[in-house]
Each structure stands twice: as C-alpha cells, then as structure tokens.
Amino acid sequence: MAPDHTAETADYIGIRRLQNAYADVVTRRSWAELEPLFEPDCPVELDLRDRGVLTFSGPGEIGEFIGRSIEVFEFFRFEIVNTTVEIGLRGDPDLAGARMYMCELRRGADDGEWSQMHGLYVDRMRRGPDGWRFAHRRYHSVGRQAADSQVFDWPSIDWHDVG
C-alpha cells in the first residue's frame, strides 16, 4: 500500500500559500499585510551585491525598506518563477526550508524605462498555531536586466545554512 502523503501535501500547500501571499503583498505594496507572514523577530538578510548584505528584523523593518525601494516604480510586479520545498528539516515536522526563484518586473516612474531583477530567496519556515510563517530569510540578487544589465555569481547556500 502506498504511503499517505496527505499531511505532506497539506504542508506544501500551506508553504506555497505563504510564498504566494508574500508575492501578492509586495506587488500590491500592502505592507501591513506582511505581519502575519513573518515571525515577529524574523531575520531578513538581503545580498543586493552592489550594496553588500543588509539585515532587517521582522516584517515591519523589511516592509519599510522594500516600500521605500520600490517607490520609484510606476509599475511593479513580484513574480515567483519556481520554488522547491523540504518539509521536516532536522526531523522537526514544524520546520521547513525552501528556495524561491523570483523576478521583479518594473517600470520607472521618472524615465519610463522597463527593467527586470532576478533573485533567489533561501528560507526557513516554521509552523505555528496560525500556520506556516517565515522564520529566517536570505535573499540574493542573481541578475538585473536594464540599460546596464548585470549577472552575479550564483550563491552557494541552501536552506540548511539558514537560521
């Protein structure tokens, strides 16, 4: 008889809902809606390559930073390109890891120029009474497509290295 994967499937769907909710909140610039997606003191590390690694704590700080950063765009859309999830890290059924490949599509408000930014989130998520939440996030820029396009070295990090 085949194993019952119902619980694993439910967890996977819960994690994908979390990732999708994040993409939706950022696209709509609805920063107050970040709070239930993160543990209150969730570390968020952003490796933007040209500015080094910036570190934030919790949904308020990261929402404020992203909000300021994307004010310059009249059009902005956060897209999840692909994701991979591992549930039960370290034998803990309430701990999961994920790699989320993403792309930002945007158009500058001042110059009307279109650009894309490609990146990788390496996440640790924890399940609590209200479902899955981000417990630790690391972001790495991997490329930018604009007038001065850039490609960066691929980060050698996995969810086992986060948190």
C-alpha atoms as a PDB file:
ATOM      1  CA  MET A   1       0.000   0.000   0.000  1.00  0.00           C
ATOM      2  CA  ALA A   2       1.312   3.468  -0.913  1.00  0.00           C
ATOM      3  CA  PRO A   3       2.159   5.844   1.939  1.00  0.00           C
ATOM      4  CA  ASP A   4      -0.398   8.532   2.780  1.00  0.00           C
ATOM      5  CA  HIS A   5       1.055  11.865   1.702  1.00  0.00           C
ATOM      6  CA  THR A   6      -1.949  13.902   2.832  1.00  0.00           C
ATOM      7  CA  ALA A   7      -0.131  15.718   5.656  1.00  0.00           C
ATOM      8  CA  GLU A   8       2.905  16.469   3.482  1.00  0.00           C
ATOM      9  CA  THR A   9       0.648  17.767   0.697  1.00  0.00           C
ATOM     10  CA  ALA A  10      -1.242  19.999   3.147  1.00  0.00           C
ATOM     11  CA  ASP A  11       2.070  21.381   4.465  1.00  0.00           C
ATOM     12  CA  TYR A  12       3.339  22.017   0.948  1.00  0.00           C
ATOM     13  CA  ILE A  13       0.156  23.879   0.060  1.00  0.00           C
ATOM     14  CA  GLY A  14       0.438  25.921   3.278  1.00  0.00           C
ATOM     15  CA  ILE A  15       4.015  26.896   2.422  1.00  0.00           C
ATOM     16  CA  ARG A  16       3.125  27.786  -1.173  1.00  0.00           C
ATOM     17  CA  ARG A  17       0.258  29.911   0.141  1.00  0.00           C
ATOM     18  CA  LEU A  18       2.768  31.716   2.352  1.00  0.00           C
ATOM     19  CA  GLN A  19       5.101  32.356  -0.592  1.00  0.00           C
ATOM     20  CA  ASN A  20       2.211  33.440  -2.817  1.00  0.00           C
ATOM     21  CA  ALA A  21       0.866  35.752  -0.123  1.00  0.00           C
ATOM     22  CA  TYR A  22       4.290  37.397   0.141  1.00  0.00           C
ATOM     23  CA  ALA A  23       4.436  37.965  -3.629  1.00  0.00           C
ATOM     24  CA  ASP A  24       0.903  39.382  -3.584  1.00  0.00           C
ATOM     25  CA  VAL A  25       1.581  41.747  -0.665  1.00  0.00           C
ATOM     26  CA  VAL A  26       4.764  43.097  -2.259  1.00  0.00           C
ATOM     27  CA  THR A  27       3.128  43.539  -5.667  1.00  0.00           C
ATOM     28  CA  ARG A  28       0.196  45.418  -4.106  1.00  0.00           C
ATOM     29  CA  ARG A  29       2.517  47.344  -1.747  1.00  0.00           C
ATOM     30  CA  SER A  30       0.299  46.425   1.174  1.00  0.00           C
ATOM     31  CA  TRP A  31       2.957  46.425   3.900  1.00  0.00           C
ATOM     32  CA  ALA A  32       0.613  45.981   6.870  1.00  0.00           C
ATOM     33  CA  GLU A  33      -0.279  42.545   5.477  1.00  0.00           C
ATOM     34  CA  LEU A  34       3.308  41.319   5.943  1.00  0.00           C
ATOM     35  CA  GLU A  35       2.898  40.914   9.705  1.00  0.00           C
ATOM     36  CA  PRO A  36       1.045  37.572   9.748  1.00  0.00           C
ATOM     37  CA  LEU A  37       3.516  36.122   7.221  1.00  0.00           C
ATOM     38  CA  PHE A  38       6.587  36.504   9.453  1.00  0.00           C
ATOM     39  CA  GLU A  39       7.617  35.532  12.936  1.00  0.00           C
ATOM     40  CA  PRO A  40       7.903  38.863  14.797  1.00  0.00           C
ATOM     41  CA  ASP A  41      11.726  38.847  15.007  1.00  0.00           C
ATOM     42  CA  CYS A  42      12.394  37.025  11.721  1.00  0.00           C
ATOM     43  CA  PRO A  43      15.867  37.941  10.427  1.00  0.00           C
ATOM     44  CA  VAL A  44      15.840  39.013   6.776  1.00  0.00           C
ATOM     45  CA  GLU A  45      19.210  39.303   5.037  1.00  0.00           C
ATOM     46  CA  LEU A  46      19.400  40.912   1.599  1.00  0.00           C
ATOM     47  CA  ASP A  47      22.522  40.369  -0.505  1.00  0.00           C
ATOM     48  CA  LEU A  48      21.977  43.097  -3.093  1.00  0.00           C
ATOM     49  CA  ARG A  49      25.537  42.671  -4.415  1.00  0.00           C
ATOM     50  CA  ASP A  50      26.165  46.359  -5.115  1.00  0.00           C
ATOM     51  CA  ARG A  51      25.298  47.442  -1.554  1.00  0.00           C
ATOM     52  CA  GLY A  52      26.548  44.451   0.407  1.00  0.00           C
ATOM     53  CA  VAL A  53      24.332  42.496   2.775  1.00  0.00           C
ATOM     54  CA  LEU A  54      21.594  44.448   4.557  1.00  0.00           C
ATOM     55  CA  THR A  55      19.944  42.910   7.618  1.00  0.00           C
ATOM     56  CA  PHE A  56      16.453  43.574   8.948  1.00  0.00           C
ATOM     57  CA  SER A  57      14.380  42.171  11.790  1.00  0.00           C
ATOM     58  CA  GLY A  58      10.726  41.331  11.353  1.00  0.00           C
ATOM     59  CA  PRO A  59       8.037  42.310   8.881  1.00  0.00           C
ATOM     60  CA  GLY A  60       7.913  46.000   9.822  1.00  0.00           C
ATOM     61  CA  GLU A  61      11.546  46.721   9.028  1.00  0.00           C
ATOM     62  CA  ILE A  62      11.628  44.753   5.776  1.00  0.00           C
ATOM     63  CA  GLY A  63       8.308  46.191   4.608  1.00  0.00           C
ATOM     64  CA  GLU A  64       9.547  49.714   5.249  1.00  0.00           C
ATOM     65  CA  PHE A  65      12.752  49.056   3.305  1.00  0.00           C
ATOM     66  CA  ILE A  66      11.031  47.429   0.318  1.00  0.00           C
ATOM     67  CA  GLY A  67       8.380  50.148   0.267  1.00  0.00           C
ATOM     68  CA  ARG A  68      10.993  52.905   0.049  1.00  0.00           C
ATOM     69  CA  SER A  69      12.956  50.955  -2.567  1.00  0.00           C
ATOM     70  CA  ILE A  70      10.081  50.485  -4.990  1.00  0.00           C
ATOM     71  CA  GLU A  71       8.535  53.969  -4.705  1.00  0.00           C
ATOM     72  CA  VAL A  72      10.483  54.882  -7.851  1.00  0.00           C
ATOM     73  CA  PHE A  73       8.418  52.464  -9.977  1.00  0.00           C
ATOM     74  CA  GLU A  74       5.056  53.318 -11.505  1.00  0.00           C
ATOM     75  CA  PHE A  75       4.632  49.612 -12.278  1.00  0.00           C
ATOM     76  CA  PHE A  76       5.963  46.837 -10.085  1.00  0.00           C
ATOM     77  CA  ARG A  77       5.165  43.130 -10.063  1.00  0.00           C
ATOM     78  CA  PHE A  78       6.819  40.425  -7.955  1.00  0.00           C
ATOM     79  CA  GLU A  79       6.681  37.026  -9.651  1.00  0.00           C
ATOM     80  CA  ILE A  80       7.571  33.617  -8.274  1.00  0.00           C
ATOM     81  CA  VAL A  81       9.372  31.766 -11.056  1.00  0.00           C
ATOM     82  CA  ASN A  82       9.902  28.461  -9.263  1.00  0.00           C
ATOM     83  CA  THR A  83      10.209  27.092  -5.767  1.00  0.00           C
ATOM     84  CA  THR A  84      11.394  23.950  -4.080  1.00  0.00           C
ATOM     85  CA  VAL A  85      10.394  22.954  -0.551  1.00  0.00           C
ATOM     86  CA  GLU A  86      11.688  20.497   2.036  1.00  0.00           C
ATOM     87  CA  ILE A  87       9.394  19.789   4.978  1.00  0.00           C
ATOM     88  CA  GLY A  88      10.641  18.322   8.244  1.00  0.00           C
ATOM     89  CA  LEU A  89      14.119  19.872   8.480  1.00  0.00           C
ATOM     90  CA  ARG A  90      16.276  18.358  11.226  1.00  0.00           C
ATOM     91  CA  GLY A  91      13.500  15.833  11.821  1.00  0.00           C
ATOM     92  CA  ASP A  92      11.158  18.592  13.004  1.00  0.00           C
ATOM     93  CA  PRO A  93       7.768  18.365  11.236  1.00  0.00           C
ATOM     94  CA  ASP A  94       7.142  22.046  12.034  1.00  0.00           C
ATOM     95  CA  LEU A  95      10.296  23.282  10.293  1.00  0.00           C
ATOM     96  CA  ALA A  96      10.704  23.634   6.523  1.00  0.00           C
ATOM     97  CA  GLY A  97      13.147  25.102   4.050  1.00  0.00           C
ATOM     98  CA  ALA A  98      12.651  26.496   0.578  1.00  0.00           C
ATOM     99  CA  ARG A  99      14.408  28.063  -2.347  1.00  0.00           C
ATOM    100  CA  MET A 100      12.211  30.556  -4.167  1.00  0.00           C
ATOM    101  CA  TYR A 101      13.394  31.898  -7.504  1.00  0.00           C
ATOM    102  CA  MET A 102      11.791  35.222  -8.364  1.00  0.00           C
ATOM    103  CA  CYS A 103      11.676  38.074 -10.830  1.00  0.00           C
ATOM    104  CA  GLU A 104      10.608  41.670 -10.417  1.00  0.00           C
ATOM    105  CA  LEU A 105       9.090  43.400 -13.436  1.00  0.00           C
ATOM    106  CA  ARG A 106       9.122  47.164 -13.111  1.00  0.00           C
ATOM    107  CA  ARG A 107       8.878  50.468 -14.924  1.00  0.00           C
ATOM    108  CA  GLY A 108      10.500  53.645 -13.639  1.00  0.00           C
ATOM    109  CA  ALA A 109       8.150  56.485 -12.770  1.00  0.00           C
ATOM    110  CA  ASP A 110      10.594  59.181 -13.922  1.00  0.00           C
ATOM    111  CA  ASP A 111      12.175  57.660 -17.020  1.00  0.00           C
ATOM    112  CA  GLY A 112       9.572  55.092 -18.149  1.00  0.00           C
ATOM    113  CA  GLU A 113      12.332  52.507 -18.517  1.00  0.00           C
ATOM    114  CA  TRP A 114      11.415  48.838 -18.057  1.00  0.00           C
ATOM    115  CA  SER A 115      13.717  46.582 -16.088  1.00  0.00           C
ATOM    116  CA  GLN A 116      13.810  43.153 -14.512  1.00  0.00           C
ATOM    117  CA  MET A 117      15.571  41.919 -11.427  1.00  0.00           C
ATOM    118  CA  HIS A 118      16.134  38.240 -10.742  1.00  0.00           C
ATOM    119  CA  GLY A 119      16.807  36.760  -7.343  1.00  0.00           C
ATOM    120  CA  LEU A 120      16.775  33.806  -5.009  1.00  0.00           C
ATOM    121  CA  TYR A 121      15.227  33.599  -1.556  1.00  0.00           C
ATOM    122  CA  VAL A 122      16.534  30.849   0.715  1.00  0.00           C
ATOM    123  CA  ASP A 123      14.026  30.486   3.516  1.00  0.00           C
ATOM    124  CA  ARG A 124      13.391  28.721   6.751  1.00  0.00           C
ATOM    125  CA  MET A 125       9.697  28.491   7.704  1.00  0.00           C
ATOM    126  CA  ARG A 126       8.109  27.394  10.952  1.00  0.00           C
ATOM    127  CA  ARG A 127       4.607  26.104  11.525  1.00  0.00           C
ATOM    128  CA  GLY A 128       2.792  27.587  14.495  1.00  0.00           C
ATOM    129  CA  PRO A 129      -0.805  27.704  15.686  1.00  0.00           C
ATOM    130  CA  ASP A 130      -1.723  30.042  12.800  1.00  0.00           C
ATOM    131  CA  GLY A 131       0.057  28.057  10.086  1.00  0.00           C
ATOM    132  CA  TRP A 132       3.395  28.488   8.315  1.00  0.00           C
ATOM    133  CA  ARG A 133       5.406  31.689   8.722  1.00  0.00           C
ATOM    134  CA  PHE A 134       8.821  32.881   7.626  1.00  0.00           C
ATOM    135  CA  ALA A 135      11.350  32.300  10.406  1.00  0.00           C
ATOM    136  CA  HIS A 136      14.526  33.350   8.552  1.00  0.00           C
ATOM    137  CA  ARG A 137      15.028  34.700   5.023  1.00  0.00           C
ATOM    138  CA  ARG A 138      18.128  35.231   2.927  1.00  0.00           C
ATOM    139  CA  TYR A 139      17.838  36.946  -0.429  1.00  0.00           C
ATOM    140  CA  HIS A 140      20.467  37.065  -3.164  1.00  0.00           C
ATOM    141  CA  SER A 141      20.314  39.160  -6.333  1.00  0.00           C
ATOM    142  CA  VAL A 142      21.362  36.970  -9.267  1.00  0.00           C
ATOM    143  CA  GLY A 143      20.882  39.342 -12.187  1.00  0.00           C
ATOM    144  CA  ARG A 144      19.476  42.618 -13.422  1.00  0.00           C
ATOM    145  CA  GLN A 145      18.196  43.371 -16.882  1.00  0.00           C
ATOM    146  CA  ALA A 146      18.175  47.059 -17.694  1.00  0.00           C
ATOM    147  CA  ALA A 147      20.300  49.547 -19.612  1.00  0.00           C
ATOM    148  CA  ASP A 148      23.270  48.382 -17.509  1.00  0.00           C
ATOM    149  CA  SER A 149      22.487  44.662 -17.164  1.00  0.00           C
ATOM    150  CA  GLN A 150      24.416  42.611 -14.621  1.00  0.00           C
ATOM    151  CA  VAL A 151      24.823  38.925 -13.834  1.00  0.00           C
ATOM    152  CA  PHE A 152      26.169  37.857 -10.458  1.00  0.00           C
ATOM    153  CA  ASP A 153      27.807  34.670  -9.208  1.00  0.00           C
ATOM    154  CA  TRP A 154      25.251  32.111  -8.106  1.00  0.00           C
ATOM    155  CA  PRO A 155      25.103  31.931  -4.281  1.00  0.00           C
ATOM    156  CA  SER A 156      26.183  28.630  -2.786  1.00  0.00           C
ATOM    157  CA  ILE A 157      23.689  28.490   0.054  1.00  0.00           C
ATOM    158  CA  ASP A 158      20.918  26.112   0.960  1.00  0.00           C
ATOM    159  CA  TRP A 159      18.094  26.194   3.481  1.00  0.00           C
ATOM    160  CA  HIS A 160      20.202  24.036   5.805  1.00  0.00           C
ATOM    161  CA  ASP A 161      22.519  27.076   6.107  1.00  0.00           C
ATOM    162  CA  VAL A 162      19.735  29.497   7.076  1.00  0.00           C
ATOM    163  CA  GLY A 163      18.747  30.104  10.683  1.00  0.00           C
END
